[in-house]
PDB file of N, CA and C in Angstrom:
ATOM      1  N   MET A   1      21.566 -22.875  24.371  1.00  0.00           N
ATOM      2  CA  MET A   1      21.656 -22.649  25.800  1.00  0.00           C
ATOM      3  C   MET A   1      22.955 -21.919  26.114  1.00  0.00           C
ATOM      4  N   ALA A   2      22.840 -20.908  26.869  1.00  0.00           N
ATOM      5  CA  ALA A   2      23.998 -20.090  27.202  1.00  0.00           C
ATOM      6  C   ALA A   2      25.045 -20.866  27.985  1.00  0.00           C
ATOM      7  N   SER A   3      24.625 -21.888  28.736  1.00  0.00           N
ATOM      8  CA  SER A   3      25.573 -22.608  29.591  1.00  0.00           C
ATOM      9  C   SER A   3      26.579 -23.441  28.804  1.00  0.00           C
ATOM     10  N   ILE A   4      26.284 -23.773  27.539  1.00  0.00           N
ATOM     11  CA  ILE A   4      27.277 -24.511  26.752  1.00  0.00           C
ATOM     12  C   ILE A   4      27.856 -23.653  25.639  1.00  0.00           C
ATOM     13  N   GLY A   5      27.501 -22.386  25.611  1.00  0.00           N
ATOM     14  CA  GLY A   5      28.106 -21.445  24.691  1.00  0.00           C
ATOM     15  C   GLY A   5      27.572 -21.532  23.278  1.00  0.00           C
ATOM     16  N   PRO A   6      28.257 -20.854  22.372  1.00  0.00           N
ATOM     17  CA  PRO A   6      27.781 -20.740  20.994  1.00  0.00           C
ATOM     18  C   PRO A   6      28.182 -21.907  20.095  1.00  0.00           C
ATOM     19  N   THR A   7      28.507 -23.057  20.674  1.00  0.00           N
ATOM     20  CA  THR A   7      28.973 -24.184  19.857  1.00  0.00           C
ATOM     21  C   THR A   7      27.833 -25.031  19.302  1.00  0.00           C
ATOM     22  N   ILE A   8      26.580 -24.637  19.557  1.00  0.00           N
ATOM     23  CA  ILE A   8      25.425 -25.328  18.994  1.00  0.00           C
ATOM     24  C   ILE A   8      24.354 -24.303  18.646  1.00  0.00           C
ATOM     25  N   GLN A   9      23.717 -24.531  17.497  1.00  0.00           N
ATOM     26  CA  GLN A   9      22.635 -23.646  17.063  1.00  0.00           C
ATOM     27  C   GLN A   9      21.515 -24.506  16.488  1.00  0.00           C
ATOM     28  N   TRP A  10      20.358 -24.445  17.108  1.00  0.00           N
ATOM     29  CA  TRP A  10      19.200 -25.186  16.626  1.00  0.00           C
ATOM     30  C   TRP A  10      18.673 -24.505  15.371  1.00  0.00           C
ATOM     31  N   GLN A  11      18.448 -25.278  14.311  1.00  0.00           N
ATOM     32  CA  GLN A  11      17.920 -24.754  13.057  1.00  0.00           C
ATOM     33  C   GLN A  11      16.403 -24.921  12.978  1.00  0.00           C
ATOM     34  N   HIS A  12      15.948 -26.162  13.083  1.00  0.00           N
ATOM     35  CA  HIS A  12      14.523 -26.472  13.060  1.00  0.00           C
ATOM     36  C   HIS A  12      14.336 -27.945  13.396  1.00  0.00           C
ATOM     37  N   SER A  13      13.085 -28.357  13.548  1.00  0.00           N
ATOM     38  CA  SER A  13      12.775 -29.753  13.862  1.00  0.00           C
ATOM     39  C   SER A  13      11.642 -30.244  12.969  1.00  0.00           C
ATOM     40  N   TYR A  14      11.608 -31.557  12.788  1.00  0.00           N
ATOM     41  CA  TYR A  14      10.531 -32.226  12.064  1.00  0.00           C
ATOM     42  C   TYR A  14       9.857 -33.188  13.026  1.00  0.00           C
ATOM     43  N   VAL A  15       8.536 -33.272  12.948  1.00  0.00           N
ATOM     44  CA  VAL A  15       7.784 -34.254  13.724  1.00  0.00           C
ATOM     45  C   VAL A  15       7.148 -35.193  12.721  1.00  0.00           C
ATOM     46  N   ALA A  16       7.462 -36.478  12.845  1.00  0.00           N
ATOM     47  CA  ALA A  16       6.935 -37.491  11.935  1.00  0.00           C
ATOM     48  C   ALA A  16       6.468 -38.679  12.768  1.00  0.00           C
ATOM     49  N   GLY A  17       5.157 -38.874  12.817  1.00  0.00           N
ATOM     50  CA  GLY A  17       4.627 -39.957  13.641  1.00  0.00           C
ATOM     51  C   GLY A  17       4.960 -39.707  15.094  1.00  0.00           C
ATOM     52  N   ASP A  18       5.634 -40.672  15.696  1.00  0.00           N
ATOM     53  CA  ASP A  18       5.998 -40.542  17.110  1.00  0.00           C
ATOM     54  C   ASP A  18       7.469 -40.157  17.301  1.00  0.00           C
ATOM     55  N   LYS A  19       8.091 -39.593  16.259  1.00  0.00           N
ATOM     56  CA  LYS A  19       9.501 -39.210  16.345  1.00  0.00           C
ATOM     57  C   LYS A  19       9.674 -37.729  16.037  1.00  0.00           C
ATOM     58  N   THR A  20      10.717 -37.162  16.617  1.00  0.00           N
ATOM     59  CA  THR A  20      11.093 -35.785  16.336  1.00  0.00           C
ATOM     60  C   THR A  20      12.536 -35.788  15.854  1.00  0.00           C
ATOM     61  N   PHE A  21      12.793 -35.060  14.776  1.00  0.00           N
ATOM     62  CA  PHE A  21      14.128 -34.932  14.208  1.00  0.00           C
ATOM     63  C   PHE A  21      14.535 -33.472  14.302  1.00  0.00           C
ATOM     64  N   CYS A  22      15.617 -33.209  15.030  1.00  0.00           N
ATOM     65  CA  CYS A  22      16.100 -31.840  15.202  1.00  0.00           C
ATOM     66  C   CYS A  22      17.326 -31.626  14.330  1.00  0.00           C
ATOM     67  N   VAL A  23      17.366 -30.496  13.657  1.00  0.00           N
ATOM     68  CA  VAL A  23      18.505 -30.135  12.827  1.00  0.00           C
ATOM     69  C   VAL A  23      19.251 -29.023  13.551  1.00  0.00           C
ATOM     70  N   CYS A  24      20.523 -29.301  13.847  1.00  0.00           N
ATOM     71  CA  CYS A  24      21.358 -28.356  14.596  1.00  0.00           C
ATOM     72  C   CYS A  24      22.700 -28.196  13.911  1.00  0.00           C
ATOM     73  N   LEU A  25      23.298 -27.045  14.079  1.00  0.00           N
ATOM     74  CA  LEU A  25      24.702 -26.841  13.742  1.00  0.00           C
ATOM     75  C   LEU A  25      25.459 -26.966  15.051  1.00  0.00           C
ATOM     76  N   ALA A  26      26.437 -27.857  15.091  1.00  0.00           N
ATOM     77  CA  ALA A  26      27.172 -28.075  16.343  1.00  0.00           C
ATOM     78  C   ALA A  26      28.610 -28.463  16.054  1.00  0.00           C
ATOM     79  N   ASP A  27      29.463 -28.183  17.018  1.00  0.00           N
ATOM     80  CA  ASP A  27      30.881 -28.509  16.884  1.00  0.00           C
ATOM     81  C   ASP A  27      31.163 -29.999  17.005  1.00  0.00           C
ATOM     82  N   SER A  28      30.306 -30.731  17.729  1.00  0.00           N
ATOM     83  CA  SER A  28      30.550 -32.159  17.931  1.00  0.00           C
ATOM     84  C   SER A  28      29.290 -32.853  18.424  1.00  0.00           C
ATOM     85  N   GLU A  29      29.313 -34.173  18.381  1.00  0.00           N
ATOM     86  CA  GLU A  29      28.213 -34.964  18.945  1.00  0.00           C
ATOM     87  C   GLU A  29      28.104 -34.746  20.446  1.00  0.00           C
ATOM     88  N   ASP A  30      29.242 -34.580  21.116  1.00  0.00           N
ATOM     89  CA  ASP A  30      29.222 -34.350  22.570  1.00  0.00           C
ATOM     90  C   ASP A  30      28.448 -33.082  22.924  1.00  0.00           C
ATOM     91  N   VAL A  31      28.599 -32.046  22.108  1.00  0.00           N
ATOM     92  CA  VAL A  31      27.875 -30.799  22.353  1.00  0.00           C
ATOM     93  C   VAL A  31      26.371 -31.031  22.208  1.00  0.00           C
ATOM     94  N   ILE A  32      25.976 -31.803  21.197  1.00  0.00           N
ATOM     95  CA  ILE A  32      24.561 -32.110  20.997  1.00  0.00           C
ATOM     96  C   ILE A  32      24.017 -32.897  22.181  1.00  0.00           C
ATOM     97  N   ARG A  33      24.762 -33.897  22.621  1.00  0.00           N
ATOM     98  CA  ARG A  33      24.310 -34.709  23.758  1.00  0.00           C
ATOM     99  C   ARG A  33      24.229 -33.878  25.046  1.00  0.00           C
ATOM    100  N   THR A  34      25.184 -32.986  25.261  1.00  0.00           N
ATOM    101  CA  THR A  34      25.150 -32.112  26.440  1.00  0.00           C
ATOM    102  C   THR A  34      23.927 -31.209  26.387  1.00  0.00           C
ATOM    103  N   HIS A  35      23.685 -30.605  25.238  1.00  0.00           N
ATOM    104  CA  HIS A  35      22.522 -29.733  25.063  1.00  0.00           C
ATOM    105  C   HIS A  35      21.233 -30.499  25.318  1.00  0.00           C
ATOM    106  N   ALA A  36      21.128 -31.696  24.747  1.00  0.00           N
ATOM    107  CA  ALA A  36      19.923 -32.511  24.930  1.00  0.00           C
ATOM    108  C   ALA A  36      19.734 -32.885  26.396  1.00  0.00           C
ATOM    109  N   SER A  37      20.809 -33.253  27.061  1.00  0.00           N
ATOM    110  CA  SER A  37      20.729 -33.628  28.472  1.00  0.00           C
ATOM    111  C   SER A  37      20.261 -32.455  29.331  1.00  0.00           C
ATOM    112  N   LEU A  38      20.842 -31.287  29.097  1.00  0.00           N
ATOM    113  CA  LEU A  38      20.460 -30.097  29.856  1.00  0.00           C
ATOM    114  C   LEU A  38      19.014 -29.688  29.566  1.00  0.00           C
ATOM    115  N   SER A  39      18.530 -30.009  28.367  1.00  0.00           N
ATOM    116  CA  SER A  39      17.159 -29.655  27.972  1.00  0.00           C
ATOM    117  C   SER A  39      16.147 -30.720  28.347  1.00  0.00           C
ATOM    118  N   GLY A  40      16.625 -31.887  28.793  1.00  0.00           N
ATOM    119  CA  GLY A  40      15.727 -32.986  29.117  1.00  0.00           C
ATOM    120  C   GLY A  40      15.164 -33.673  27.888  1.00  0.00           C
ATOM    121  N   ILE A  41      15.887 -33.612  26.765  1.00  0.00           N
ATOM    122  CA  ILE A  41      15.445 -34.208  25.507  1.00  0.00           C
ATOM    123  C   ILE A  41      16.238 -35.490  25.266  1.00  0.00           C
ATOM    124  N   PRO A  42      15.555 -36.613  25.068  1.00  0.00           N
ATOM    125  CA  PRO A  42      16.277 -37.859  24.792  1.00  0.00           C
ATOM    126  C   PRO A  42      16.883 -37.846  23.385  1.00  0.00           C
ATOM    127  N   VAL A  43      18.064 -38.422  23.249  1.00  0.00           N
ATOM    128  CA  VAL A  43      18.730 -38.530  21.950  1.00  0.00           C
ATOM    129  C   VAL A  43      18.917 -40.006  21.636  1.00  0.00           C
ATOM    130  N   GLY A  44      18.335 -40.437  20.518  1.00  0.00           N
ATOM    131  CA  GLY A  44      18.489 -41.821  20.104  1.00  0.00           C
ATOM    132  C   GLY A  44      19.677 -42.004  19.190  1.00  0.00           C
ATOM    133  N   ARG A  45      19.789 -41.126  18.207  1.00  0.00           N
ATOM    134  CA  ARG A  45      20.859 -41.260  17.226  1.00  0.00           C
ATOM    135  C   ARG A  45      21.203 -39.879  16.692  1.00  0.00           C
ATOM    136  N   ILE A  46      22.486 -39.665  16.416  1.00  0.00           N
ATOM    137  CA  ILE A  46      22.956 -38.420  15.809  1.00  0.00           C
ATOM    138  C   ILE A  46      23.549 -38.780  14.459  1.00  0.00           C
ATOM    139  N   THR A  47      23.116 -38.073  13.427  1.00  0.00           N
ATOM    140  CA  THR A  47      23.594 -38.325  12.075  1.00  0.00           C
ATOM    141  C   THR A  47      24.141 -37.031  11.493  1.00  0.00           C
ATOM    142  N   GLU A  48      25.392 -37.065  11.047  1.00  0.00           N
ATOM    143  CA  GLU A  48      25.976 -35.896  10.398  1.00  0.00           C
ATOM    144  C   GLU A  48      25.373 -35.754   9.005  1.00  0.00           C
ATOM    145  N   ILE A  49      25.064 -34.522   8.634  1.00  0.00           N
ATOM    146  CA  ILE A  49      24.547 -34.230   7.300  1.00  0.00           C
ATOM    147  C   ILE A  49      25.622 -33.416   6.584  1.00  0.00           C
ATOM    148  N   PRO A  50      26.433 -34.077   5.737  1.00  0.00           N
ATOM    149  CA  PRO A  50      27.548 -33.371   5.108  1.00  0.00           C
ATOM    150  C   PRO A  50      27.149 -32.487   3.925  1.00  0.00           C
ATOM    151  N   GLN A  51      25.961 -32.735   3.352  1.00  0.00           N
ATOM    152  CA  GLN A  51      25.558 -31.962   2.186  1.00  0.00           C
ATOM    153  C   GLN A  51      24.048 -31.792   2.175  1.00  0.00           C
ATOM    154  N   ILE A  52      23.595 -30.619   1.752  1.00  0.00           N
ATOM    155  CA  ILE A  52      22.167 -30.329   1.634  1.00  0.00           C
ATOM    156  C   ILE A  52      21.852 -30.160   0.156  1.00  0.00           C
ATOM    157  N   ILE A  53      20.771 -30.786  -0.268  1.00  0.00           N
ATOM    158  CA  ILE A  53      20.275 -30.608  -1.644  1.00  0.00           C
ATOM    159  C   ILE A  53      18.931 -29.889  -1.524  1.00  0.00           C
ATOM    160  N   ASP A  54      18.829 -28.772  -2.195  1.00  0.00           N
ATOM    161  CA  ASP A  54      17.587 -28.002  -2.210  1.00  0.00           C
ATOM    162  C   ASP A  54      17.469 -27.347  -3.580  1.00  0.00           C
ATOM    163  N   PRO A  55      16.397 -26.592  -3.823  1.00  0.00           N
ATOM    164  CA  PRO A  55      16.250 -25.984  -5.149  1.00  0.00           C
ATOM    165  C   PRO A  55      17.427 -25.100  -5.580  1.00  0.00           C
ATOM    166  N   LEU A  56      18.135 -24.516  -4.635  1.00  0.00           N
ATOM    167  CA  LEU A  56      19.275 -23.672  -4.982  1.00  0.00           C
ATOM    168  C   LEU A  56      20.532 -24.460  -5.337  1.00  0.00           C
ATOM    169  N   THR A  57      20.659 -25.689  -4.817  1.00  0.00           N
ATOM    170  CA  THR A  57      21.869 -26.480  -5.032  1.00  0.00           C
ATOM    171  C   THR A  57      21.648 -27.692  -5.939  1.00  0.00           C
ATOM    172  N   ALA A  58      20.433 -27.951  -6.368  1.00  0.00           N
ATOM    173  CA  ALA A  58      20.098 -29.168  -7.103  1.00  0.00           C
ATOM    174  C   ALA A  58      20.875 -29.310  -8.414  1.00  0.00           C
ATOM    175  N   ASP A  59      21.220 -28.222  -9.059  1.00  0.00           N
ATOM    176  CA  ASP A  59      21.935 -28.289 -10.344  1.00  0.00           C
ATOM    177  C   ASP A  59      23.446 -28.348 -10.214  1.00  0.00           C
ATOM    178  N   ASN A  60      23.960 -28.278  -8.987  1.00  0.00           N
ATOM    179  CA  ASN A  60      25.421 -28.285  -8.783  1.00  0.00           C
ATOM    180  C   ASN A  60      25.978 -29.670  -8.778  1.00  0.00           C
TER     181      ASN A  60
END
């Protein structure tokens, strides 16, 4: 959203059962909560993901 600037970037989301998990790059939890509030999206929990394991990084 332009109103909160470039401090958040949505990557993708997962839908599992009755839950949605959004993956974002953001400067802080406050930025995520502001974005969600402005979008009308409820936020239950925010979890930092410090490392990604995928086929390119699995051997590291």
